[in-house]
């Protein structure tokens, strides 16, 4: 009787252990759905939002591929004291994040979050690099401001700039400050 109970317990234990070991594999979806929702319109890209400092960015995304740190001269169009984090490989490839270190009219922390080639993330609506201008407009409505190759969607806290190529396909999605001072292409 004791041997039978021991075998039953051992069998259940082994099944439970195998299930726990296989759980991470079964929960990892390597399909295209993995990229959906990485861009949250006028809010964040890969969970990076305005105001995040460099340590927060590294905690969320891991170490960048490269860092450009610098201070621009006082006579530059915009005095810059901060760093730019570049992600060129892995799941965040194509991200560039500009972080201000000292208070300015733009604030402190991440002020410019850009997704460019080969970035694969999309919004929950499926909008990402390679989407057409018509698809963007169907998903998010008409842009607040439009230029030949850009659309600006102005929110209360942030604005999203979408850049298009000559075929009207998305080439960059940029989350910037509400005044749009972080980038201009038109």
C-alpha atoms as a PDB file:
ATOM      1  CA  UNK A   1       0.000   0.000   0.000  1.00  0.00           C
ATOM      2  CA  UNK A   2       2.771   2.432   0.929  1.00  0.00           C
ATOM      3  CA  UNK A   3       4.669   1.647  -2.276  1.00  0.00           C
ATOM      4  CA  UNK A   4       1.541   2.340  -4.330  1.00  0.00           C
ATOM      5  CA  UNK A   5       1.002   5.720  -2.615  1.00  0.00           C
ATOM      6  CA  UNK A   6       4.666   6.574  -3.075  1.00  0.00           C
ATOM      7  CA  UNK A   7       4.483   5.772  -6.810  1.00  0.00           C
ATOM      8  CA  UNK A   8       1.310   7.835  -7.155  1.00  0.00           C
ATOM      9  CA  UNK A   9       2.889  10.784  -5.341  1.00  0.00           C
ATOM     10  CA  UNK A  10       6.110  10.484  -7.376  1.00  0.00           C
ATOM     11  CA  UNK A  11       4.152  10.341 -10.644  1.00  0.00           C
ATOM     12  CA  UNK A  12       2.162  13.466  -9.757  1.00  0.00           C
ATOM     13  CA  UNK A  13       5.310  15.229  -8.615  1.00  0.00           C
ATOM     14  CA  UNK A  14       7.102  14.460 -11.891  1.00  0.00           C
ATOM     15  CA  UNK A  15       4.110  15.596 -13.979  1.00  0.00           C
ATOM     16  CA  UNK A  16       3.861  18.851 -12.009  1.00  0.00           C
ATOM     17  CA  UNK A  17       7.616  19.452 -12.311  1.00  0.00           C
ATOM     18  CA  UNK A  18       7.590  18.838 -16.065  1.00  0.00           C
ATOM     19  CA  UNK A  19       4.582  21.135 -16.466  1.00  0.00           C
ATOM     20  CA  UNK A  20       6.384  23.913 -14.572  1.00  0.00           C
ATOM     21  CA  UNK A  21       9.521  23.455 -16.665  1.00  0.00           C
ATOM     22  CA  UNK A  22       7.566  23.571 -19.915  1.00  0.00           C
ATOM     23  CA  UNK A  23       5.344  26.490 -18.908  1.00  0.00           C
ATOM     24  CA  UNK A  24       7.801  29.239 -20.001  1.00  0.00           C
ATOM     25  CA  UNK A  25       8.166  27.538 -23.401  1.00  0.00           C
ATOM     26  CA  UNK A  26       4.426  27.260 -23.927  1.00  0.00           C
ATOM     27  CA  UNK A  27       3.865  30.906 -22.878  1.00  0.00           C
ATOM     28  CA  UNK A  28       6.503  32.247 -25.264  1.00  0.00           C
ATOM     29  CA  UNK A  29       4.759  33.169 -28.475  1.00  0.00           C
ATOM     30  CA  UNK A  30       7.281  33.796 -31.204  1.00  0.00           C
ATOM     31  CA  UNK A  31       4.615  34.789 -33.723  1.00  0.00           C
ATOM     32  CA  UNK A  32       3.835  38.282 -34.997  1.00  0.00           C
ATOM     33  CA  UNK A  33       1.400  38.933 -32.119  1.00  0.00           C
ATOM     34  CA  UNK A  34       4.431  39.359 -29.845  1.00  0.00           C
ATOM     35  CA  UNK A  35       5.031  42.809 -31.314  1.00  0.00           C
ATOM     36  CA  UNK A  36       1.447  44.070 -30.984  1.00  0.00           C
ATOM     37  CA  UNK A  37       0.938  46.726 -28.341  1.00  0.00           C
ATOM     38  CA  UNK A  38       4.580  47.753 -28.031  1.00  0.00           C
ATOM     39  CA  UNK A  39       3.640  51.233 -29.253  1.00  0.00           C
ATOM     40  CA  UNK A  40       0.951  52.947 -27.171  1.00  0.00           C
ATOM     41  CA  UNK A  41      -0.216  55.956 -29.193  1.00  0.00           C
ATOM     42  CA  UNK A  42       0.751  59.314 -27.633  1.00  0.00           C
ATOM     43  CA  UNK A  43       1.929  57.461 -24.507  1.00  0.00           C
ATOM     44  CA  UNK A  44       4.967  55.172 -24.843  1.00  0.00           C
ATOM     45  CA  UNK A  45       7.146  53.017 -27.074  1.00  0.00           C
ATOM     46  CA  UNK A  46       8.334  49.738 -25.525  1.00  0.00           C
ATOM     47  CA  UNK A  47       7.121  51.052 -22.135  1.00  0.00           C
ATOM     48  CA  UNK A  48       9.442  54.077 -22.358  1.00  0.00           C
ATOM     49  CA  UNK A  49       7.519  57.279 -21.623  1.00  0.00           C
ATOM     50  CA  UNK A  50       8.440  60.928 -21.317  1.00  0.00           C
ATOM     51  CA  UNK A  51      10.294  61.667 -18.132  1.00  0.00           C
ATOM     52  CA  UNK A  52      11.898  58.216 -17.790  1.00  0.00           C
ATOM     53  CA  UNK A  53      15.535  58.639 -16.781  1.00  0.00           C
ATOM     54  CA  UNK A  54      18.396  56.621 -18.270  1.00  0.00           C
ATOM     55  CA  UNK A  55      18.414  54.110 -15.409  1.00  0.00           C
ATOM     56  CA  UNK A  56      14.685  53.464 -15.877  1.00  0.00           C
ATOM     57  CA  UNK A  57      15.198  52.976 -19.619  1.00  0.00           C
ATOM     58  CA  UNK A  58      18.017  50.467 -19.023  1.00  0.00           C
ATOM     59  CA  UNK A  59      15.924  48.611 -16.423  1.00  0.00           C
ATOM     60  CA  UNK A  60      13.035  48.326 -18.902  1.00  0.00           C
ATOM     61  CA  UNK A  61      15.004  47.571 -22.099  1.00  0.00           C
ATOM     62  CA  UNK A  62      18.429  46.384 -20.999  1.00  0.00           C
ATOM     63  CA  UNK A  63      21.719  48.065 -21.862  1.00  0.00           C
ATOM     64  CA  UNK A  64      21.769  50.030 -25.141  1.00  0.00           C
ATOM     65  CA  UNK A  65      24.049  49.181 -28.044  1.00  0.00           C
ATOM     66  CA  UNK A  66      25.583  52.657 -27.903  1.00  0.00           C
ATOM     67  CA  UNK A  67      25.377  55.840 -25.857  1.00  0.00           C
ATOM     68  CA  UNK A  68      26.140  59.321 -27.133  1.00  0.00           C
ATOM     69  CA  UNK A  69      26.606  61.739 -24.274  1.00  0.00           C
ATOM     70  CA  UNK A  70      27.211  65.403 -24.687  1.00  0.00           C
ATOM     71  CA  UNK A  71      26.665  69.027 -23.991  1.00  0.00           C
ATOM     72  CA  UNK A  72      26.053  71.393 -26.882  1.00  0.00           C
ATOM     73  CA  UNK A  73      27.575  74.872 -26.842  1.00  0.00           C
ATOM     74  CA  UNK A  74      25.468  77.697 -25.457  1.00  0.00           C
ATOM     75  CA  UNK A  75      25.054  79.237 -28.916  1.00  0.00           C
ATOM     76  CA  UNK A  76      23.511  76.045 -30.343  1.00  0.00           C
ATOM     77  CA  UNK A  77      19.845  76.311 -31.405  1.00  0.00           C
ATOM     78  CA  UNK A  78      18.940  74.231 -28.343  1.00  0.00           C
ATOM     79  CA  UNK A  79      21.366  73.846 -25.449  1.00  0.00           C
ATOM     80  CA  UNK A  80      21.637  70.107 -24.836  1.00  0.00           C
ATOM     81  CA  UNK A  81      22.929  68.392 -21.721  1.00  0.00           C
ATOM     82  CA  UNK A  82      21.984  64.749 -21.899  1.00  0.00           C
ATOM     83  CA  UNK A  83      22.512  61.489 -23.681  1.00  0.00           C
ATOM     84  CA  UNK A  84      21.106  59.495 -26.553  1.00  0.00           C
ATOM     85  CA  UNK A  85      20.621  55.747 -26.140  1.00  0.00           C
ATOM     86  CA  UNK A  86      20.729  53.659 -29.317  1.00  0.00           C
ATOM     87  CA  UNK A  87      19.358  50.115 -29.587  1.00  0.00           C
ATOM     88  CA  UNK A  88      20.675  48.435 -32.751  1.00  0.00           C
ATOM     89  CA  UNK A  89      20.149  44.752 -32.028  1.00  0.00           C
ATOM     90  CA  UNK A  90      17.706  42.450 -30.288  1.00  0.00           C
ATOM     91  CA  UNK A  91      14.006  43.035 -29.847  1.00  0.00           C
ATOM     92  CA  UNK A  92      14.464  46.808 -29.386  1.00  0.00           C
ATOM     93  CA  UNK A  93      16.562  47.333 -32.538  1.00  0.00           C
ATOM     94  CA  UNK A  94      15.698  50.649 -34.145  1.00  0.00           C
ATOM     95  CA  UNK A  95      14.929  52.555 -30.935  1.00  0.00           C
ATOM     96  CA  UNK A  96      16.633  55.847 -30.175  1.00  0.00           C
ATOM     97  CA  UNK A  97      15.903  57.655 -26.908  1.00  0.00           C
ATOM     98  CA  UNK A  98      17.096  61.193 -26.115  1.00  0.00           C
ATOM     99  CA  UNK A  99      17.312  61.928 -22.387  1.00  0.00           C
ATOM    100  CA  UNK A 100      17.773  65.403 -20.873  1.00  0.00           C
ATOM    101  CA  UNK A 101      19.898  65.541 -17.711  1.00  0.00           C
ATOM    102  CA  UNK A 102      19.282  69.114 -16.613  1.00  0.00           C
ATOM    103  CA  UNK A 103      15.990  70.956 -16.351  1.00  0.00           C
ATOM    104  CA  UNK A 104      14.982  72.855 -19.459  1.00  0.00           C
ATOM    105  CA  UNK A 105      11.773  74.098 -20.996  1.00  0.00           C
ATOM    106  CA  UNK A 106      11.426  70.530 -22.291  1.00  0.00           C
ATOM    107  CA  UNK A 107      11.698  68.967 -18.842  1.00  0.00           C
ATOM    108  CA  UNK A 108      14.048  66.264 -17.583  1.00  0.00           C
ATOM    109  CA  UNK A 109      14.252  62.629 -18.661  1.00  0.00           C
ATOM    110  CA  UNK A 110      13.249  61.003 -21.956  1.00  0.00           C
ATOM    111  CA  UNK A 111      12.053  63.747 -24.310  1.00  0.00           C
ATOM    112  CA  UNK A 112      12.292  62.011 -27.690  1.00  0.00           C
ATOM    113  CA  UNK A 113      11.556  58.329 -28.268  1.00  0.00           C
ATOM    114  CA  UNK A 114      11.999  57.211 -31.867  1.00  0.00           C
ATOM    115  CA  UNK A 115      11.209  53.872 -33.531  1.00  0.00           C
ATOM    116  CA  UNK A 116      12.905  53.476 -36.907  1.00  0.00           C
ATOM    117  CA  UNK A 117      14.155  50.601 -39.059  1.00  0.00           C
ATOM    118  CA  UNK A 118      14.362  47.698 -38.224  1.00  0.00           C
ATOM    119  CA  UNK A 119      11.943  48.186 -35.281  1.00  0.00           C
ATOM    120  CA  UNK A 120       9.189  45.536 -35.372  1.00  0.00           C
ATOM    121  CA  UNK A 121       6.755  46.732 -32.682  1.00  0.00           C
ATOM    122  CA  UNK A 122       3.242  47.861 -33.495  1.00  0.00           C
ATOM    123  CA  UNK A 123       0.238  49.387 -31.805  1.00  0.00           C
ATOM    124  CA  UNK A 124      -2.631  47.109 -30.743  1.00  0.00           C
ATOM    125  CA  UNK A 125      -4.304  48.281 -33.948  1.00  0.00           C
ATOM    126  CA  UNK A 126      -1.396  46.857 -35.970  1.00  0.00           C
ATOM    127  CA  UNK A 127       0.201  50.185 -36.924  1.00  0.00           C
ATOM    128  CA  UNK A 128       3.980  50.094 -37.224  1.00  0.00           C
ATOM    129  CA  UNK A 129       6.811  50.657 -39.660  1.00  0.00           C
ATOM    130  CA  UNK A 130       5.590  49.750 -43.141  1.00  0.00           C
ATOM    131  CA  UNK A 131       1.928  50.612 -42.454  1.00  0.00           C
ATOM    132  CA  UNK A 132       0.349  52.951 -44.978  1.00  0.00           C
ATOM    133  CA  UNK A 133      -0.775  56.501 -44.267  1.00  0.00           C
ATOM    134  CA  UNK A 134      -4.379  55.423 -44.934  1.00  0.00           C
ATOM    135  CA  UNK A 135      -4.053  52.628 -42.344  1.00  0.00           C
ATOM    136  CA  UNK A 136      -2.737  55.122 -39.773  1.00  0.00           C
ATOM    137  CA  UNK A 137      -5.646  57.486 -40.489  1.00  0.00           C
ATOM    138  CA  UNK A 138      -8.184  54.655 -40.229  1.00  0.00           C
ATOM    139  CA  UNK A 139      -6.728  53.568 -36.880  1.00  0.00           C
ATOM    140  CA  UNK A 140      -6.239  57.002 -35.265  1.00  0.00           C
ATOM    141  CA  UNK A 141      -8.317  59.442 -37.299  1.00  0.00           C
ATOM    142  CA  UNK A 142      -7.058  62.461 -39.162  1.00  0.00           C
ATOM    143  CA  UNK A 143      -3.800  63.973 -37.952  1.00  0.00           C
ATOM    144  CA  UNK A 144      -3.838  67.184 -35.910  1.00  0.00           C
ATOM    145  CA  UNK A 145      -1.232  68.591 -38.313  1.00  0.00           C
ATOM    146  CA  UNK A 146      -0.011  67.178 -41.631  1.00  0.00           C
ATOM    147  CA  UNK A 147       2.898  67.854 -43.936  1.00  0.00           C
ATOM    148  CA  UNK A 148       4.021  66.252 -47.169  1.00  0.00           C
ATOM    149  CA  UNK A 149       5.789  63.403 -45.392  1.00  0.00           C
ATOM    150  CA  UNK A 150       4.642  63.693 -41.767  1.00  0.00           C
ATOM    151  CA  UNK A 151       1.547  63.544 -39.609  1.00  0.00           C
ATOM    152  CA  UNK A 152       1.389  64.948 -36.074  1.00  0.00           C
ATOM    153  CA  UNK A 153      -1.071  63.551 -33.542  1.00  0.00           C
ATOM    154  CA  UNK A 154      -1.199  65.995 -30.656  1.00  0.00           C
ATOM    155  CA  UNK A 155      -2.248  64.656 -27.260  1.00  0.00           C
ATOM    156  CA  UNK A 156      -2.571  66.457 -23.957  1.00  0.00           C
ATOM    157  CA  UNK A 157       0.773  65.207 -22.635  1.00  0.00           C
ATOM    158  CA  UNK A 158       2.687  64.018 -25.705  1.00  0.00           C
ATOM    159  CA  UNK A 159       2.539  64.122 -29.429  1.00  0.00           C
ATOM    160  CA  UNK A 160       3.287  61.410 -31.938  1.00  0.00           C
ATOM    161  CA  UNK A 161       5.009  62.210 -35.218  1.00  0.00           C
ATOM    162  CA  UNK A 162       4.683  59.711 -38.040  1.00  0.00           C
ATOM    163  CA  UNK A 163       7.105  60.012 -40.973  1.00  0.00           C
ATOM    164  CA  UNK A 164       6.309  58.503 -44.376  1.00  0.00           C
ATOM    165  CA  UNK A 165       8.384  57.637 -47.427  1.00  0.00           C
ATOM    166  CA  UNK A 166       7.437  58.464 -51.034  1.00  0.00           C
ATOM    167  CA  UNK A 167       5.157  55.395 -51.099  1.00  0.00           C
ATOM    168  CA  UNK A 168       3.214  56.755 -48.084  1.00  0.00           C
ATOM    169  CA  UNK A 169       4.525  53.980 -45.827  1.00  0.00           C
ATOM    170  CA  UNK A 170       5.560  54.624 -42.228  1.00  0.00           C
ATOM    171  CA  UNK A 171       9.328  54.926 -41.822  1.00  0.00           C
ATOM    172  CA  UNK A 172       9.503  56.401 -38.289  1.00  0.00           C
ATOM    173  CA  UNK A 173       7.194  56.788 -35.315  1.00  0.00           C
ATOM    174  CA  UNK A 174       8.398  59.364 -32.822  1.00  0.00           C
ATOM    175  CA  UNK A 175       6.965  60.228 -29.427  1.00  0.00           C
ATOM    176  CA  UNK A 176       7.980  63.744 -28.480  1.00  0.00           C
ATOM    177  CA  UNK A 177       7.015  66.610 -26.200  1.00  0.00           C
ATOM    178  CA  UNK A 178       3.614  68.311 -26.520  1.00  0.00           C
ATOM    179  CA  UNK A 179       5.153  71.343 -28.212  1.00  0.00           C
ATOM    180  CA  UNK A 180       6.865  69.143 -30.820  1.00  0.00           C
ATOM    181  CA  UNK A 181      10.212  70.788 -30.113  1.00  0.00           C
ATOM    182  CA  UNK A 182      12.013  67.449 -30.107  1.00  0.00           C
ATOM    183  CA  UNK A 183      11.752  66.954 -33.872  1.00  0.00           C
ATOM    184  CA  UNK A 184      10.617  68.680 -37.044  1.00  0.00           C
ATOM    185  CA  UNK A 185      10.876  67.277 -40.553  1.00  0.00           C
ATOM    186  CA  UNK A 186       8.697  69.646 -42.626  1.00  0.00           C
END
